[in-house]
Full PDB file with SEQRES, HELIX, SHEET, SSBOND, CRYST1, ORIGX, SCALE, CONECT and MASTER records, all heavy atoms in Angstrom:
SEQRES   1 A   40  ASP LYS VAL ALA SER PHE GLN VAL ALA ASP GLY VAL VAL          
SEQRES   2 A   40  ILE ILE GLY ASP TYR CYS CYS SER ASP PHE TYR LYS SER          
SEQRES   3 A   40  LEU THR GLU ARG ILE GLN GLU GLU ILE ASP LYS GLN THR          
SEQRES   4 A   40  PHE                                                          
HELIX    1 AA1 SER A   21  THR A   39  1                                  19    
SHEET    1 AA1 2 SER A   5  ALA A   9  0                                        
SHEET    2 AA1 2 VAL A  12  GLY A  16 -1                                        
CRYST1    1.000    1.000    1.000  90.00  90.00  90.00 P 1           1          
ORIGX1      1.000000  0.000000  0.000000        0.00000                         
ORIGX2      0.000000  1.000000  0.000000        0.00000                         
ORIGX3      0.000000  0.000000  1.000000        0.00000                         
SCALE1      1.000000  0.000000  0.000000        0.00000                         
SCALE2      0.000000  1.000000  0.000000        0.00000                         
SCALE3      0.000000  0.000000  1.000000        0.00000                         
ATOM      1  N   ASP A   1      -7.940  -4.230 -13.210  1.00  0.00           N  
ATOM      2  CA  ASP A   1      -6.702  -3.988 -13.955  1.00  0.00           C  
ATOM      3  C   ASP A   1      -6.234  -2.526 -13.851  1.00  0.00           C  
ATOM      4  O   ASP A   1      -5.802  -1.932 -14.828  1.00  0.00           O  
ATOM      5  CB  ASP A   1      -6.879  -4.384 -15.418  1.00  0.00           C  
ATOM      6  CG  ASP A   1      -5.544  -4.592 -16.117  1.00  0.00           C  
ATOM      7  OD1 ASP A   1      -4.617  -5.126 -15.481  1.00  0.00           O  
ATOM      8  OD2 ASP A   1      -5.421  -4.210 -17.301  1.00  0.00           O  
ATOM      9  N   LYS A   2      -6.351  -1.955 -12.660  1.00  0.00           N  
ATOM     10  CA  LYS A   2      -5.925  -0.574 -12.422  1.00  0.00           C  
ATOM     11  C   LYS A   2      -4.822  -0.558 -11.378  1.00  0.00           C  
ATOM     12  O   LYS A   2      -4.680  -1.484 -10.592  1.00  0.00           O  
ATOM     13  CB  LYS A   2      -7.100   0.271 -11.937  1.00  0.00           C  
ATOM     14  CG  LYS A   2      -8.217   0.340 -12.942  1.00  0.00           C  
ATOM     15  CD  LYS A   2      -9.159   1.454 -12.613  1.00  0.00           C  
ATOM     16  CE  LYS A   2     -10.260   1.447 -13.640  1.00  0.00           C  
ATOM     17  NZ  LYS A   2     -10.549   2.675 -14.230  1.00  0.00           N  
ATOM     18  N   VAL A   3      -4.039   0.518 -11.377  1.00  0.00           N  
ATOM     19  CA  VAL A   3      -2.996   0.699 -10.369  1.00  0.00           C  
ATOM     20  C   VAL A   3      -3.395   1.842  -9.445  1.00  0.00           C  
ATOM     21  O   VAL A   3      -4.205   2.704  -9.800  1.00  0.00           O  
ATOM     22  CB  VAL A   3      -1.611   0.992 -11.008  1.00  0.00           C  
ATOM     23  CG1 VAL A   3      -1.120  -0.196 -11.788  1.00  0.00           C  
ATOM     24  CG2 VAL A   3      -1.658   2.222 -11.870  1.00  0.00           C  
ATOM     25  N   ALA A   4      -2.811   1.869  -8.264  1.00  0.00           N  
ATOM     26  CA  ALA A   4      -3.086   2.916  -7.286  1.00  0.00           C  
ATOM     27  C   ALA A   4      -1.938   3.924  -7.277  1.00  0.00           C  
ATOM     28  O   ALA A   4      -0.887   3.698  -7.875  1.00  0.00           O  
ATOM     29  CB  ALA A   4      -3.255   2.308  -5.901  1.00  0.00           C  
ATOM     30  N   SER A   5      -2.148   5.008  -6.574  1.00  0.00           N  
ATOM     31  CA  SER A   5      -1.072   5.988  -6.379  1.00  0.00           C  
ATOM     32  C   SER A   5      -0.625   5.923  -4.919  1.00  0.00           C  
ATOM     33  O   SER A   5      -1.397   5.522  -4.037  1.00  0.00           O  
ATOM     34  CB  SER A   5      -1.554   7.394  -6.727  1.00  0.00           C  
ATOM     35  OG  SER A   5      -2.580   7.787  -5.848  1.00  0.00           O  
ATOM     36  N   PHE A   6       0.611   6.305  -4.686  1.00  0.00           N  
ATOM     37  CA  PHE A   6       1.172   6.247  -3.345  1.00  0.00           C  
ATOM     38  C   PHE A   6       1.895   7.542  -3.020  1.00  0.00           C  
ATOM     39  O   PHE A   6       2.455   8.185  -3.896  1.00  0.00           O  
ATOM     40  CB  PHE A   6       2.174   5.092  -3.233  1.00  0.00           C  
ATOM     41  CG  PHE A   6       1.571   3.752  -3.493  1.00  0.00           C  
ATOM     42  CD1 PHE A   6       1.541   3.226  -4.768  1.00  0.00           C  
ATOM     43  CD2 PHE A   6       1.023   3.016  -2.466  1.00  0.00           C  
ATOM     44  CE1 PHE A   6       0.986   1.993  -5.024  1.00  0.00           C  
ATOM     45  CE2 PHE A   6       0.465   1.781  -2.696  1.00  0.00           C  
ATOM     46  CZ  PHE A   6       0.448   1.265  -3.979  1.00  0.00           C  
ATOM     47  N   GLN A   7       1.891   7.867  -1.739  1.00  0.00           N  
ATOM     48  CA  GLN A   7       2.587   9.054  -1.264  1.00  0.00           C  
ATOM     49  C   GLN A   7       3.068   8.775   0.154  1.00  0.00           C  
ATOM     50  O   GLN A   7       2.396   8.078   0.916  1.00  0.00           O  
ATOM     51  CB  GLN A   7       1.611  10.229  -1.265  1.00  0.00           C  
ATOM     52  CG  GLN A   7       2.175  11.525  -0.819  1.00  0.00           C  
ATOM     53  CD  GLN A   7       1.111  12.626  -0.861  1.00  0.00           C  
ATOM     54  OE1 GLN A   7      -0.040  12.402  -1.215  1.00  0.00           O  
ATOM     55  NE2 GLN A   7       1.521  13.807  -0.478  1.00  0.00           N  
ATOM     56  N   VAL A   8       4.242   9.303   0.487  1.00  0.00           N  
ATOM     57  CA  VAL A   8       4.753   9.192   1.847  1.00  0.00           C  
ATOM     58  C   VAL A   8       4.625  10.561   2.501  1.00  0.00           C  
ATOM     59  O   VAL A   8       5.081  11.558   1.953  1.00  0.00           O  
ATOM     60  CB  VAL A   8       6.234   8.735   1.863  1.00  0.00           C  
ATOM     61  CG1 VAL A   8       6.780   8.752   3.272  1.00  0.00           C  
ATOM     62  CG2 VAL A   8       6.371   7.356   1.253  1.00  0.00           C  
ATOM     63  N   ALA A   9       3.983  10.595   3.662  1.00  0.00           N  
ATOM     64  CA  ALA A   9       3.825  11.841   4.402  1.00  0.00           C  
ATOM     65  C   ALA A   9       3.840  11.544   5.896  1.00  0.00           C  
ATOM     66  O   ALA A   9       3.165  10.611   6.351  1.00  0.00           O  
ATOM     67  CB  ALA A   9       2.521  12.524   4.022  1.00  0.00           C  
ATOM     68  N   ASP A  10       4.623  12.291   6.627  1.00  0.00           N  
ATOM     69  CA  ASP A  10       4.687  12.156   8.088  1.00  0.00           C  
ATOM     70  C   ASP A  10       4.959  10.723   8.535  1.00  0.00           C  
ATOM     71  O   ASP A  10       4.385  10.242   9.507  1.00  0.00           O  
ATOM     72  CB  ASP A  10       3.407  12.674   8.743  1.00  0.00           C  
ATOM     73  CG  ASP A  10       3.187  14.152   8.482  1.00  0.00           C  
ATOM     74  OD1 ASP A  10       4.188  14.890   8.422  1.00  0.00           O  
ATOM     75  OD2 ASP A  10       2.024  14.561   8.341  1.00  0.00           O  
ATOM     76  N   GLY A  11       5.798  10.015   7.796  1.00  0.00           N  
ATOM     77  CA  GLY A  11       6.203   8.668   8.189  1.00  0.00           C  
ATOM     78  C   GLY A  11       5.190   7.577   7.921  1.00  0.00           C  
ATOM     79  O   GLY A  11       5.293   6.478   8.463  1.00  0.00           O  
ATOM     80  N   VAL A  12       4.190   7.853   7.091  1.00  0.00           N  
ATOM     81  CA  VAL A  12       3.200   6.836   6.730  1.00  0.00           C  
ATOM     82  C   VAL A  12       3.020   6.800   5.214  1.00  0.00           C  
ATOM     83  O   VAL A  12       3.313   7.764   4.521  1.00  0.00           O  
ATOM     84  CB  VAL A  12       1.827   7.082   7.403  1.00  0.00           C  
ATOM     85  CG1 VAL A  12       1.932   6.990   8.906  1.00  0.00           C  
ATOM     86  CG2 VAL A  12       1.246   8.406   6.991  1.00  0.00           C  
ATOM     87  N   VAL A  13       2.513   5.692   4.723  1.00  0.00           N  
ATOM     88  CA  VAL A  13       2.211   5.544   3.300  1.00  0.00           C  
ATOM     89  C   VAL A  13       0.731   5.855   3.098  1.00  0.00           C  
ATOM     90  O   VAL A  13      -0.128   5.298   3.777  1.00  0.00           O  
ATOM     91  CB  VAL A  13       2.507   4.110   2.810  1.00  0.00           C  
ATOM     92  CG1 VAL A  13       2.086   3.938   1.365  1.00  0.00           C  
ATOM     93  CG2 VAL A  13       3.971   3.777   2.976  1.00  0.00           C  
ATOM     94  N   ILE A  14       0.453   6.743   2.168  1.00  0.00           N  
ATOM     95  CA  ILE A  14      -0.922   7.080   1.818  1.00  0.00           C  
ATOM     96  C   ILE A  14      -1.215   6.446   0.467  1.00  0.00           C  
ATOM     97  O   ILE A  14      -0.496   6.668  -0.501  1.00  0.00           O  
ATOM     98  CB  ILE A  14      -1.113   8.606   1.742  1.00  0.00           C  
ATOM     99  CG1 ILE A  14      -0.795   9.231   3.098  1.00  0.00           C  
ATOM    100  CG2 ILE A  14      -2.528   8.945   1.286  1.00  0.00           C  
ATOM    101  CD1 ILE A  14      -0.708  10.735   3.074  1.00  0.00           C  
ATOM    102  N   ILE A  15      -2.280   5.651   0.431  1.00  0.00           N  
ATOM    103  CA  ILE A  15      -2.688   4.980  -0.802  1.00  0.00           C  
ATOM    104  C   ILE A  15      -3.865   5.754  -1.387  1.00  0.00           C  
ATOM    105  O   ILE A  15      -4.865   5.978  -0.714  1.00  0.00           O  
ATOM    106  CB  ILE A  15      -3.114   3.527  -0.539  1.00  0.00           C  
ATOM    107  CG1 ILE A  15      -1.999   2.756   0.171  1.00  0.00           C  
ATOM    108  CG2 ILE A  15      -3.508   2.840  -1.844  1.00  0.00           C  
ATOM    109  CD1 ILE A  15      -2.424   1.388   0.663  1.00  0.00           C  
ATOM    110  N   GLY A  16      -3.734   6.140  -2.654  1.00  0.00           N  
ATOM    111  CA  GLY A  16      -4.815   6.860  -3.319  1.00  0.00           C  
ATOM    112  C   GLY A  16      -5.189   6.197  -4.626  1.00  0.00           C  
ATOM    113  O   GLY A  16      -4.488   5.319  -5.124  1.00  0.00           O  
ATOM    114  N   ASP A  17      -6.305   6.571  -5.165  1.00  0.00           N  
ATOM    115  CA  ASP A  17      -6.778   6.101  -6.470  1.00  0.00           C  
ATOM    116  C   ASP A  17      -6.945   4.582  -6.556  1.00  0.00           C  
ATOM    117  O   ASP A  17      -6.808   4.000  -7.622  1.00  0.00           O  
ATOM    118  CB  ASP A  17      -5.843   6.557  -7.602  1.00  0.00           C  
ATOM    119  CG  ASP A  17      -5.740   8.063  -7.698  1.00  0.00           C  
ATOM    120  OD1 ASP A  17      -6.732   8.732  -7.402  1.00  0.00           O  
ATOM    121  OD2 ASP A  17      -4.658   8.551  -8.065  1.00  0.00           O  
ATOM    122  N   TYR A  18      -7.237   3.944  -5.424  1.00  0.00           N  
ATOM    123  CA  TYR A  18      -7.528   2.510  -5.499  1.00  0.00           C  
ATOM    124  C   TYR A  18      -8.984   2.344  -5.909  1.00  0.00           C  
ATOM    125  O   TYR A  18      -9.835   3.169  -5.609  1.00  0.00           O  
ATOM    126  CB  TYR A  18      -7.222   1.797  -4.180  1.00  0.00           C  
ATOM    127  CG  TYR A  18      -7.924   2.377  -2.979  1.00  0.00           C  
ATOM    128  CD1 TYR A  18      -9.148   1.894  -2.569  1.00  0.00           C  
ATOM    129  CD2 TYR A  18      -7.348   3.414  -2.250  1.00  0.00           C  
ATOM    130  CE1 TYR A  18      -9.798   2.426  -1.474  1.00  0.00           C  
ATOM    131  CE2 TYR A  18      -7.981   3.951  -1.147  1.00  0.00           C  
ATOM    132  CZ  TYR A  18      -9.209   3.449  -0.772  1.00  0.00           C  
ATOM    133  OH  TYR A  18      -9.847   3.982   0.313  1.00  0.00           O  
ATOM    134  N   CYS A  19      -9.275   1.291  -6.643  1.00  0.00           N  
ATOM    135  CA  CYS A  19     -10.582   1.162  -7.277  1.00  0.00           C  
ATOM    136  C   CYS A  19     -11.614   0.403  -6.448  1.00  0.00           C  
ATOM    137  O   CYS A  19     -12.809   0.551  -6.674  1.00  0.00           O  
ATOM    138  CB  CYS A  19     -10.431   0.500  -8.643  1.00  0.00           C  
ATOM    139  SG  CYS A  19      -9.538  -1.053  -8.580  1.00  0.00           S  
ATOM    140  N   CYS A  20     -11.158  -0.417  -5.498  1.00  0.00           N  
ATOM    141  CA  CYS A  20     -12.116  -1.177  -4.694  1.00  0.00           C  
ATOM    142  C   CYS A  20     -11.472  -1.589  -3.372  1.00  0.00           C  
ATOM    143  O   CYS A  20     -10.252  -1.534  -3.209  1.00  0.00           O  
ATOM    144  CB  CYS A  20     -12.625  -2.405  -5.454  1.00  0.00           C  
ATOM    145  SG  CYS A  20     -11.365  -3.625  -5.850  1.00  0.00           S  
ATOM    146  N   SER A  21     -12.294  -2.004  -2.446  1.00  0.00           N  
ATOM    147  CA  SER A  21     -11.794  -2.358  -1.111  1.00  0.00           C  
ATOM    148  C   SER A  21     -10.901  -3.599  -1.147  1.00  0.00           C  
ATOM    149  O   SER A  21      -9.962  -3.711  -0.362  1.00  0.00           O  
ATOM    150  CB  SER A  21     -12.945  -2.550  -0.136  1.00  0.00           C  
ATOM    151  OG  SER A  21     -13.802  -3.580  -0.570  1.00  0.00           O  
ATOM    152  N   ASP A  22     -11.178  -4.523  -2.056  1.00  0.00           N  
ATOM    153  CA  ASP A  22     -10.326  -5.716  -2.172  1.00  0.00           C  
ATOM    154  C   ASP A  22      -8.907  -5.324  -2.594  1.00  0.00           C  
ATOM    155  O   ASP A  22      -7.930  -5.872  -2.089  1.00  0.00           O  
ATOM    156  CB  ASP A  22     -10.899  -6.708  -3.185  1.00  0.00           C  
ATOM    157  CG  ASP A  22     -12.159  -7.387  -2.686  1.00  0.00           C  
ATOM    158  OD1 ASP A  22     -12.392  -7.424  -1.464  1.00  0.00           O  
ATOM    159  OD2 ASP A  22     -12.923  -7.890  -3.540  1.00  0.00           O  
ATOM    160  N   PHE A  23      -8.816  -4.390  -3.515  1.00  0.00           N  
ATOM    161  CA  PHE A  23      -7.509  -3.917  -3.972  1.00  0.00           C  
ATOM    162  C   PHE A  23      -6.779  -3.196  -2.838  1.00  0.00           C  
ATOM    163  O   PHE A  23      -5.592  -3.399  -2.622  1.00  0.00           O  
ATOM    164  CB  PHE A  23      -7.683  -3.012  -5.189  1.00  0.00           C  
ATOM    165  CG  PHE A  23      -6.394  -2.582  -5.844  1.00  0.00           C  
ATOM    166  CD1 PHE A  23      -5.322  -3.449  -5.969  1.00  0.00           C  
ATOM    167  CD2 PHE A  23      -6.265  -1.313  -6.369  1.00  0.00           C  
ATOM    168  CE1 PHE A  23      -4.139  -3.050  -6.592  1.00  0.00           C  
ATOM    169  CE2 PHE A  23      -5.092  -0.904  -6.983  1.00  0.00           C  
ATOM    170  CZ  PHE A  23      -4.032  -1.775  -7.096  1.00  0.00           C  
ATOM    171  N   TYR A  24      -7.503  -2.365  -2.100  1.00  0.00           N  
ATOM    172  CA  TYR A  24      -6.909  -1.654  -0.964  1.00  0.00           C  
ATOM    173  C   TYR A  24      -6.358  -2.653   0.057  1.00  0.00           C  
ATOM    174  O   TYR A  24      -5.237  -2.514   0.533  1.00  0.00           O  
ATOM    175  CB  TYR A  24      -7.947  -0.736  -0.308  1.00  0.00           C  
ATOM    176  CG  TYR A  24      -7.399   0.042   0.848  1.00  0.00           C  
ATOM    177  CD1 TYR A  24      -6.672   1.204   0.640  1.00  0.00           C  
ATOM    178  CD2 TYR A  24      -7.590  -0.381   2.161  1.00  0.00           C  
ATOM    179  CE1 TYR A  24      -6.147   1.925   1.699  1.00  0.00           C  
ATOM    180  CE2 TYR A  24      -7.073   0.332   3.222  1.00  0.00           C  
ATOM    181  CZ  TYR A  24      -6.362   1.484   2.987  1.00  0.00           C  
ATOM    182  OH  TYR A  24      -5.837   2.177   4.040  1.00  0.00           O  
ATOM    183  N   LYS A  25      -7.135  -3.667   0.365  1.00  0.00           N  
ATOM    184  CA  LYS A  25      -6.698  -4.689   1.315  1.00  0.00           C  
ATOM    185  C   LYS A  25      -5.447  -5.400   0.805  1.00  0.00           C  
ATOM    186  O   LYS A  25      -4.501  -5.633   1.553  1.00  0.00           O  
ATOM    187  CB  LYS A  25      -7.824  -5.695   1.564  1.00  0.00           C  
ATOM    188  CG  LYS A  25      -7.464  -6.764   2.558  1.00  0.00           C  
ATOM    189  CD  LYS A  25      -8.582  -7.734   2.775  1.00  0.00           C  
ATOM    190  CE  LYS A  25      -8.136  -8.823   3.733  1.00  0.00           C  
ATOM    191  NZ  LYS A  25      -9.116  -9.899   3.836  1.00  0.00           N  
ATOM    192  N   SER A  26      -5.451  -5.757  -0.461  1.00  0.00           N  
ATOM    193  CA  SER A  26      -4.305  -6.417  -1.070  1.00  0.00           C  
ATOM    194  C   SER A  26      -3.050  -5.540  -0.984  1.00  0.00           C  
ATOM    195  O   SER A  26      -1.960  -6.021  -0.669  1.00  0.00           O  
ATOM    196  CB  SER A  26      -4.628  -6.745  -2.528  1.00  0.00           C  
ATOM    197  OG  SER A  26      -3.496  -7.160  -3.224  1.00  0.00           O  
ATOM    198  N   LEU A  27      -3.216  -4.250  -1.267  1.00  0.00           N  
ATOM    199  CA  LEU A  27      -2.082  -3.325  -1.209  1.00  0.00           C  
ATOM    200  C   LEU A  27      -1.543  -3.185   0.208  1.00  0.00           C  
ATOM    201  O   LEU A  27      -0.331  -3.187   0.413  1.00  0.00           O  
ATOM    202  CB  LEU A  27      -2.485  -1.952  -1.748  1.00  0.00           C  
ATOM    203  CG  LEU A  27      -2.738  -1.876  -3.245  1.00  0.00           C  
ATOM    204  CD1 LEU A  27      -3.337  -0.531  -3.602  1.00  0.00           C  
ATOM    205  CD2 LEU A  27      -1.460  -2.118  -4.028  1.00  0.00           C  
ATOM    206  N   THR A  28      -2.426  -3.063   1.189  1.00  0.00           N  
ATOM    207  CA  THR A  28      -1.954  -2.913   2.568  1.00  0.00           C  
ATOM    208  C   THR A  28      -1.215  -4.171   3.035  1.00  0.00           C  
ATOM    209  O   THR A  28      -0.211  -4.083   3.737  1.00  0.00           O  
ATOM    210  CB  THR A  28      -3.103  -2.584   3.540  1.00  0.00           C  
ATOM    211  OG1 THR A  28      -4.101  -3.596   3.463  1.00  0.00           O  
ATOM    212  CG2 THR A  28      -3.705  -1.226   3.241  1.00  0.00           C  
ATOM    213  N   GLU A  29      -1.685  -5.330   2.606  1.00  0.00           N  
ATOM    214  CA  GLU A  29      -0.998  -6.579   2.946  1.00  0.00           C  
ATOM    215  C   GLU A  29       0.380  -6.644   2.295  1.00  0.00           C  
ATOM    216  O   GLU A  29       1.361  -7.046   2.931  1.00  0.00           O  
ATOM    217  CB  GLU A  29      -1.847  -7.782   2.541  1.00  0.00           C  
ATOM    218  CG  GLU A  29      -3.072  -7.960   3.408  1.00  0.00           C  
ATOM    219  CD  GLU A  29      -4.033  -9.012   2.888  1.00  0.00           C  
ATOM    220  OE1 GLU A  29      -3.827  -9.532   1.758  1.00  0.00           O  
ATOM    221  OE2 GLU A  29      -5.003  -9.317   3.603  1.00  0.00           O  
ATOM    222  N   ARG A  30       0.460  -6.251   1.024  1.00  0.00           N  
ATOM    223  CA  ARG A  30       1.755  -6.262   0.309  1.00  0.00           C  
ATOM    224  C   ARG A  30       2.725  -5.263   0.918  1.00  0.00           C  
ATOM    225  O   ARG A  30       3.911  -5.541   1.061  1.00  0.00           O  
ATOM    226  CB  ARG A  30       1.546  -5.943  -1.174  1.00  0.00           C  
ATOM    227  CG  ARG A  30       1.016  -7.088  -1.971  1.00  0.00           C  
ATOM    228  CD  ARG A  30       2.072  -8.143  -2.264  1.00  0.00           C  
ATOM    229  NE  ARG A  30       3.119  -7.563  -3.083  1.00  0.00           N  
ATOM    230  CZ  ARG A  30       4.416  -7.573  -2.769  1.00  0.00           C  
ATOM    231  NH1 ARG A  30       4.847  -8.132  -1.677  1.00  0.00           N  
ATOM    232  NH2 ARG A  30       5.297  -7.008  -3.556  1.00  0.00           N  
ATOM    233  N   ILE A  31       2.230  -4.092   1.289  1.00  0.00           N  
ATOM    234  CA  ILE A  31       3.091  -3.092   1.928  1.00  0.00           C  
ATOM    235  C   ILE A  31       3.634  -3.649   3.232  1.00  0.00           C  
ATOM    236  O   ILE A  31       4.831  -3.538   3.510  1.00  0.00           O  
ATOM    237  CB  ILE A  31       2.324  -1.769   2.149  1.00  0.00           C  
ATOM    238  CG1 ILE A  31       2.075  -1.080   0.805  1.00  0.00           C  
ATOM    239  CG2 ILE A  31       3.081  -0.850   3.103  1.00  0.00           C  
ATOM    240  CD1 ILE A  31       1.100   0.065   0.871  1.00  0.00           C  
ATOM    241  N   GLN A  32       2.779  -4.280   4.022  1.00  0.00           N  
ATOM    242  CA  GLN A  32       3.239  -4.852   5.287  1.00  0.00           C  
ATOM    243  C   GLN A  32       4.257  -5.961   5.047  1.00  0.00           C  
ATOM    244  O   GLN A  32       5.257  -6.062   5.765  1.00  0.00           O  
ATOM    245  CB  GLN A  32       2.058  -5.380   6.108  1.00  0.00           C  
ATOM    246  CG  GLN A  32       2.454  -5.817   7.498  1.00  0.00           C  
ATOM    247  CD  GLN A  32       3.056  -4.687   8.318  1.00  0.00           C  
ATOM    248  OE1 GLN A  32       2.452  -3.631   8.440  1.00  0.00           O  
ATOM    249  NE2 GLN A  32       4.239  -4.880   8.860  1.00  0.00           N  
ATOM    250  N   GLU A  33       4.046  -6.790   4.040  1.00  0.00           N  
ATOM    251  CA  GLU A  33       5.009  -7.842   3.707  1.00  0.00           C  
ATOM    252  C   GLU A  33       6.368  -7.246   3.364  1.00  0.00           C  
ATOM    253  O   GLU A  33       7.405  -7.745   3.809  1.00  0.00           O  
ATOM    254  CB  GLU A  33       4.510  -8.668   2.521  1.00  0.00           C  
ATOM    255  CG  GLU A  33       3.388  -9.602   2.823  1.00  0.00           C  
ATOM    256  CD  GLU A  33       2.838 -10.269   1.564  1.00  0.00           C  
ATOM    257  OE1 GLU A  33       3.463 -10.148   0.482  1.00  0.00           O  
ATOM    258  OE2 GLU A  33       1.773 -10.901   1.665  1.00  0.00           O  
ATOM    259  N   GLU A  34       6.367  -6.195   2.551  1.00  0.00           N  
ATOM    260  CA  GLU A  34       7.630  -5.562   2.164  1.00  0.00           C  
ATOM    261  C   GLU A  34       8.316  -4.894   3.353  1.00  0.00           C  
ATOM    262  O   GLU A  34       9.530  -4.961   3.479  1.00  0.00           O  
ATOM    263  CB  GLU A  34       7.405  -4.544   1.041  1.00  0.00           C  
ATOM    264  CG  GLU A  34       7.116  -5.165  -0.291  1.00  0.00           C  
ATOM    265  CD  GLU A  34       8.225  -6.088  -0.780  1.00  0.00           C  
ATOM    266  OE1 GLU A  34       9.417  -5.784  -0.573  1.00  0.00           O  
ATOM    267  OE2 GLU A  34       7.904  -7.121  -1.376  1.00  0.00           O  
ATOM    268  N   ILE A  35       7.540  -4.276   4.227  1.00  0.00           N  
ATOM    269  CA  ILE A  35       8.129  -3.685   5.445  1.00  0.00           C  
ATOM    270  C   ILE A  35       8.766  -4.778   6.279  1.00  0.00           C  
ATOM    271  O   ILE A  35       9.889  -4.624   6.774  1.00  0.00           O  
ATOM    272  CB  ILE A  35       7.062  -2.908   6.240  1.00  0.00           C  
ATOM    273  CG1 ILE A  35       6.689  -1.631   5.496  1.00  0.00           C  
ATOM    274  CG2 ILE A  35       7.546  -2.596   7.653  1.00  0.00           C  
ATOM    275  CD1 ILE A  35       5.514  -0.870   6.102  1.00  0.00           C  
ATOM    276  N   ASP A  36       8.048  -5.895   6.441  1.00  0.00           N  
ATOM    277  CA  ASP A  36       8.591  -7.005   7.219  1.00  0.00           C  
ATOM    278  C   ASP A  36       9.882  -7.549   6.596  1.00  0.00           C  
ATOM    279  O   ASP A  36      10.848  -7.828   7.293  1.00  0.00           O  
ATOM    280  CB  ASP A  36       7.566  -8.133   7.347  1.00  0.00           C  
ATOM    281  CG  ASP A  36       6.375  -7.732   8.208  1.00  0.00           C  
ATOM    282  OD1 ASP A  36       6.446  -6.708   8.934  1.00  0.00           O  
ATOM    283  OD2 ASP A  36       5.354  -8.457   8.134  1.00  0.00           O  
ATOM    284  N   LYS A  37       9.909  -7.697   5.276  1.00  0.00           N  
ATOM    285  CA  LYS A  37      11.111  -8.186   4.584  1.00  0.00           C  
ATOM    286  C   LYS A  37      12.278  -7.221   4.770  1.00  0.00           C  
ATOM    287  O   LYS A  37      13.390  -7.641   5.071  1.00  0.00           O  
ATOM    288  CB  LYS A  37      10.859  -8.327   3.079  1.00  0.00           C  
ATOM    289  CG  LYS A  37      10.064  -9.516   2.680  1.00  0.00           C  
ATOM    290  CD  LYS A  37       9.915  -9.523   1.174  1.00  0.00           C  
ATOM    291  CE  LYS A  37       8.909 -10.506   0.697  1.00  0.00           C  
ATOM    292  NZ  LYS A  37       8.714 -10.435  -0.761  1.00  0.00           N  
ATOM    293  N   GLN A  38      12.020  -5.936   4.576  1.00  0.00           N  
ATOM    294  CA  GLN A  38      13.069  -4.946   4.663  1.00  0.00           C  
ATOM    295  C   GLN A  38      13.617  -4.805   6.085  1.00  0.00           C  
ATOM    296  O   GLN A  38      14.810  -4.655   6.280  1.00  0.00           O  
ATOM    297  CB  GLN A  38      12.573  -3.573   4.169  1.00  0.00           C  
ATOM    298  CG  GLN A  38      12.220  -3.544   2.710  1.00  0.00           C  
ATOM    299  CD  GLN A  38      13.428  -3.710   1.812  1.00  0.00           C  
ATOM    300  OE1 GLN A  38      14.516  -3.257   2.114  1.00  0.00           O  
ATOM    301  NE2 GLN A  38      13.231  -4.357   0.684  1.00  0.00           N  
ATOM    302  N   THR A  39      12.738  -4.860   7.074  1.00  0.00           N  
ATOM    303  CA  THR A  39      13.208  -4.730   8.455  1.00  0.00           C  
ATOM    304  C   THR A  39      13.969  -5.988   8.881  1.00  0.00           C  
ATOM    305  O   THR A  39      14.849  -5.915   9.714  1.00  0.00           O  
ATOM    306  CB  THR A  39      12.058  -4.429   9.430  1.00  0.00           C  
ATOM    307  OG1 THR A  39      11.042  -5.423   9.289  1.00  0.00           O  
ATOM    308  CG2 THR A  39      11.486  -3.056   9.186  1.00  0.00           C  
ATOM    309  N   PHE A  40      13.596  -7.134   8.311  1.00  0.00           N  
ATOM    310  CA  PHE A  40      14.314  -8.362   8.613  1.00  0.00           C  
ATOM    311  C   PHE A  40      15.736  -8.306   8.078  1.00  0.00           C  
ATOM    312  O   PHE A  40      16.671  -8.826   8.686  1.00  0.00           O  
ATOM    313  CB  PHE A  40      13.574  -9.563   8.013  1.00  0.00           C  
ATOM    314  CG  PHE A  40      14.233 -10.882   8.294  1.00  0.00           C  
ATOM    315  CD1 PHE A  40      14.221 -11.444   9.547  1.00  0.00           C  
ATOM    316  CD2 PHE A  40      14.914 -11.549   7.281  1.00  0.00           C  
ATOM    317  CE1 PHE A  40      14.836 -12.649   9.818  1.00  0.00           C  
ATOM    318  CE2 PHE A  40      15.531 -12.756   7.526  1.00  0.00           C  
ATOM    319  CZ  PHE A  40      15.494 -13.309   8.802  1.00  0.00           C  
TER     320      PHE A  40                                                      
MASTER        0    0    0    1    2    0    0    6  319    1    0    4          
END                                                                             
């Protein structure tokens, strides 16, 4: 039940303060989904 922090630098998204690898994986998948939606 925690949230992560995000930062944009040099054209990439940096994910910080994630609590576990499952959460990190979930976030990277969601980011990719949103990129795909927006580019579409």
